Amino acid sequence: RPVTLYEGICDGCGKRLEYDGGAISAWYDQLTVSELMQDSEWLEINGKHYCPDCYEYDESIDDYVPKKKGSK
């Protein structure tokens, strides 16, 4: 029978959220994915999800923003 699984995918770079050294990358519910994203320092910004490599702190607005394409 079909089973629905959920992944966490970075909207910036397409990186997949992985757990347990990459052994697990899909879960049975969205809540687990959201909790693991928070534990892994991923952020939700304007309804999109970003891995730690794809967001930065903007002092001018005192908040995190997605990195511009091509910036490191």
N, C-alpha and C. Protein backbone atom coordinates (compact mmCIF):
# COMPACT_ATOMS: atom_id res chain seq x y z
N ARG A 1 0.84 -1.18 0.00
CA ARG A 1 0.00 0.00 0.00
C ARG A 1 0.89 1.24 0.00
N PRO A 2 0.42 2.31 -0.56
CA PRO A 2 1.22 3.54 -0.63
C PRO A 2 1.40 4.16 0.76
N VAL A 3 2.57 4.74 0.96
CA VAL A 3 2.88 5.43 2.20
C VAL A 3 3.42 6.81 1.84
N THR A 4 2.91 7.85 2.49
CA THR A 4 3.39 9.19 2.26
C THR A 4 4.49 9.51 3.26
N LEU A 5 5.62 10.00 2.76
CA LEU A 5 6.73 10.42 3.60
C LEU A 5 7.02 11.89 3.30
N TYR A 6 7.64 12.57 4.25
CA TYR A 6 7.95 13.98 4.11
C TYR A 6 9.45 14.20 4.21
N GLU A 7 9.96 15.12 3.38
CA GLU A 7 11.36 15.49 3.40
C GLU A 7 11.46 16.97 3.72
N GLY A 8 12.60 17.37 4.23
CA GLY A 8 12.91 18.78 4.38
C GLY A 8 13.89 19.15 3.28
N ILE A 9 13.51 20.07 2.42
CA ILE A 9 14.34 20.48 1.31
C ILE A 9 14.57 21.99 1.41
N CYS A 10 15.83 22.41 1.30
CA CYS A 10 16.18 23.82 1.36
C CYS A 10 15.69 24.52 0.09
N ASP A 11 14.94 25.61 0.29
CA ASP A 11 14.47 26.39 -0.85
C ASP A 11 15.58 27.23 -1.47
N GLY A 12 16.72 27.33 -0.79
CA GLY A 12 17.84 28.09 -1.34
C GLY A 12 18.71 27.27 -2.27
N CYS A 13 19.15 26.10 -1.78
CA CYS A 13 20.12 25.31 -2.55
C CYS A 13 19.62 23.91 -2.94
N GLY A 14 18.48 23.51 -2.39
CA GLY A 14 17.94 22.20 -2.72
C GLY A 14 18.47 21.07 -1.84
N LYS A 15 19.31 21.41 -0.86
CA LYS A 15 19.86 20.41 0.05
C LYS A 15 18.74 19.70 0.82
N ARG A 16 18.92 18.43 1.02
CA ARG A 16 17.95 17.61 1.74
C ARG A 16 18.35 17.53 3.22
N LEU A 17 17.38 17.71 4.11
CA LEU A 17 17.60 17.52 5.53
C LEU A 17 17.90 16.06 5.78
N GLU A 18 19.01 15.79 6.47
CA GLU A 18 19.38 14.41 6.78
C GLU A 18 19.58 14.26 8.27
N TYR A 19 19.34 13.07 8.77
CA TYR A 19 19.44 12.78 10.20
C TYR A 19 20.22 11.49 10.37
N ASP A 20 20.88 11.38 11.49
CA ASP A 20 21.63 10.16 11.81
C ASP A 20 22.71 9.88 10.76
N GLY A 21 23.48 10.94 10.48
CA GLY A 21 24.59 10.79 9.53
C GLY A 21 24.15 10.54 8.10
N GLY A 22 22.93 10.94 7.77
CA GLY A 22 22.43 10.77 6.41
C GLY A 22 21.65 9.49 6.20
N ALA A 23 21.53 8.68 7.28
CA ALA A 23 20.81 7.42 7.16
C ALA A 23 19.30 7.62 7.00
N ILE A 24 18.80 8.77 7.49
CA ILE A 24 17.36 9.04 7.42
C ILE A 24 17.15 10.39 6.75
N SER A 25 16.29 10.43 5.73
CA SER A 25 16.02 11.70 5.06
C SER A 25 14.53 11.89 4.74
N ALA A 26 13.67 11.03 5.29
CA ALA A 26 12.23 11.17 5.09
C ALA A 26 11.51 10.65 6.34
N TRP A 27 10.39 11.32 6.67
CA TRP A 27 9.65 10.99 7.89
C TRP A 27 8.17 10.87 7.59
N TYR A 28 7.43 10.29 8.53
CA TYR A 28 6.01 10.02 8.35
C TYR A 28 5.11 11.24 8.53
N ASP A 29 5.62 12.32 9.18
CA ASP A 29 4.76 13.48 9.39
C ASP A 29 5.55 14.78 9.28
N GLN A 30 4.84 15.84 8.94
CA GLN A 30 5.46 17.14 8.74
C GLN A 30 5.98 17.73 10.05
N LEU A 31 5.34 17.44 11.16
CA LEU A 31 5.76 17.98 12.45
C LEU A 31 7.18 17.51 12.80
N THR A 32 7.46 16.23 12.56
CA THR A 32 8.81 15.71 12.82
C THR A 32 9.84 16.43 11.96
N VAL A 33 9.52 16.65 10.70
CA VAL A 33 10.43 17.35 9.80
C VAL A 33 10.68 18.77 10.32
N SER A 34 9.63 19.46 10.73
CA SER A 34 9.77 20.82 11.25
C SER A 34 10.63 20.86 12.50
N GLU A 35 10.43 19.91 13.41
CA GLU A 35 11.23 19.85 14.64
C GLU A 35 12.70 19.57 14.34
N LEU A 36 12.96 18.65 13.41
CA LEU A 36 14.34 18.34 13.05
C LEU A 36 15.01 19.50 12.33
N MET A 37 14.25 20.24 11.55
CA MET A 37 14.81 21.42 10.89
C MET A 37 15.26 22.42 11.95
N GLN A 38 14.42 22.66 12.94
CA GLN A 38 14.78 23.59 14.01
C GLN A 38 16.01 23.10 14.77
N ASP A 39 16.06 21.83 15.09
CA ASP A 39 17.21 21.26 15.80
C ASP A 39 18.49 21.35 14.98
N SER A 40 18.36 21.38 13.66
CA SER A 40 19.51 21.43 12.76
C SER A 40 19.82 22.85 12.30
N GLU A 41 19.21 23.84 12.96
CA GLU A 41 19.43 25.26 12.69
C GLU A 41 18.95 25.71 11.31
N TRP A 42 17.98 25.00 10.75
CA TRP A 42 17.34 25.47 9.54
C TRP A 42 16.33 26.53 9.97
N LEU A 43 16.03 27.49 9.09
CA LEU A 43 15.07 28.53 9.39
C LEU A 43 13.96 28.58 8.35
N GLU A 44 12.78 28.98 8.81
CA GLU A 44 11.69 29.28 7.90
C GLU A 44 11.63 30.80 7.78
N ILE A 45 11.77 31.31 6.56
CA ILE A 45 11.74 32.73 6.29
C ILE A 45 10.71 32.98 5.19
N ASN A 46 9.69 33.74 5.51
CA ASN A 46 8.62 34.05 4.54
C ASN A 46 8.02 32.79 3.94
N GLY A 47 7.82 31.76 4.77
CA GLY A 47 7.17 30.54 4.31
C GLY A 47 8.06 29.57 3.57
N LYS A 48 9.34 29.88 3.44
CA LYS A 48 10.28 28.98 2.78
C LYS A 48 11.31 28.51 3.79
N HIS A 49 11.92 27.35 3.52
CA HIS A 49 12.87 26.75 4.45
C HIS A 49 14.30 26.86 3.92
N TYR A 50 15.22 27.21 4.83
CA TYR A 50 16.61 27.42 4.43
C TYR A 50 17.55 26.69 5.37
N CYS A 51 18.53 25.99 4.79
CA CYS A 51 19.58 25.35 5.58
C CYS A 51 20.53 26.44 6.09
N PRO A 52 21.39 26.13 7.06
CA PRO A 52 22.29 27.15 7.60
C PRO A 52 23.22 27.80 6.57
N ASP A 53 23.48 27.15 5.46
CA ASP A 53 24.34 27.73 4.43
C ASP A 53 23.62 28.78 3.58
N CYS A 54 22.31 28.86 3.70
CA CYS A 54 21.54 29.69 2.77
C CYS A 54 20.82 30.88 3.42
N TYR A 55 21.14 31.19 4.67
CA TYR A 55 20.60 32.40 5.26
C TYR A 55 21.70 33.12 6.04
N GLU A 56 21.46 34.41 6.28
CA GLU A 56 22.42 35.22 7.02
C GLU A 56 21.66 36.27 7.83
N TYR A 57 22.34 36.82 8.82
CA TYR A 57 21.73 37.84 9.65
C TYR A 57 21.94 39.20 9.00
N ASP A 58 20.87 39.97 8.89
CA ASP A 58 20.93 41.31 8.31
C ASP A 58 20.75 42.31 9.45
N GLU A 59 21.84 42.98 9.81
CA GLU A 59 21.82 43.92 10.93
C GLU A 59 20.88 45.10 10.68
N SER A 60 20.72 45.50 9.43
CA SER A 60 19.89 46.67 9.14
C SER A 60 18.42 46.45 9.48
N ILE A 61 17.96 45.21 9.42
CA ILE A 61 16.56 44.91 9.78
C ILE A 61 16.46 44.05 11.02
N ASP A 62 17.61 43.68 11.60
CA ASP A 62 17.66 42.89 12.82
C ASP A 62 16.90 41.56 12.68
N ASP A 63 17.18 40.87 11.57
CA ASP A 63 16.51 39.59 11.32
C ASP A 63 17.33 38.78 10.31
N TYR A 64 16.97 37.51 10.18
CA TYR A 64 17.62 36.64 9.21
C TYR A 64 16.95 36.75 7.86
N VAL A 65 17.76 36.67 6.81
CA VAL A 65 17.27 36.76 5.45
C VAL A 65 17.97 35.69 4.60
N PRO A 66 17.33 35.27 3.51
CA PRO A 66 18.03 34.35 2.61
C PRO A 66 19.25 35.02 2.01
N LYS A 67 20.31 34.26 1.82
CA LYS A 67 21.50 34.80 1.15
C LYS A 67 21.17 35.05 -0.31
N LYS A 68 21.79 36.08 -0.85
CA LYS A 68 21.64 36.34 -2.27
C LYS A 68 22.38 35.28 -3.07
N LYS A 69 21.86 34.93 -4.20
CA LYS A 69 22.51 33.94 -5.07
C LYS A 69 23.94 34.35 -5.35
N GLY A 70 24.86 33.40 -5.21
CA GLY A 70 26.26 33.66 -5.49
C GLY A 70 27.06 34.19 -4.32
N SER A 71 26.40 34.54 -3.19
CA SER A 71 27.17 35.01 -2.03
C SER A 71 27.51 33.84 -1.14
N LYS A 72 28.60 33.97 -0.39
CA LYS A 72 29.03 32.88 0.49
C LYS A 72 28.99 33.31 1.91
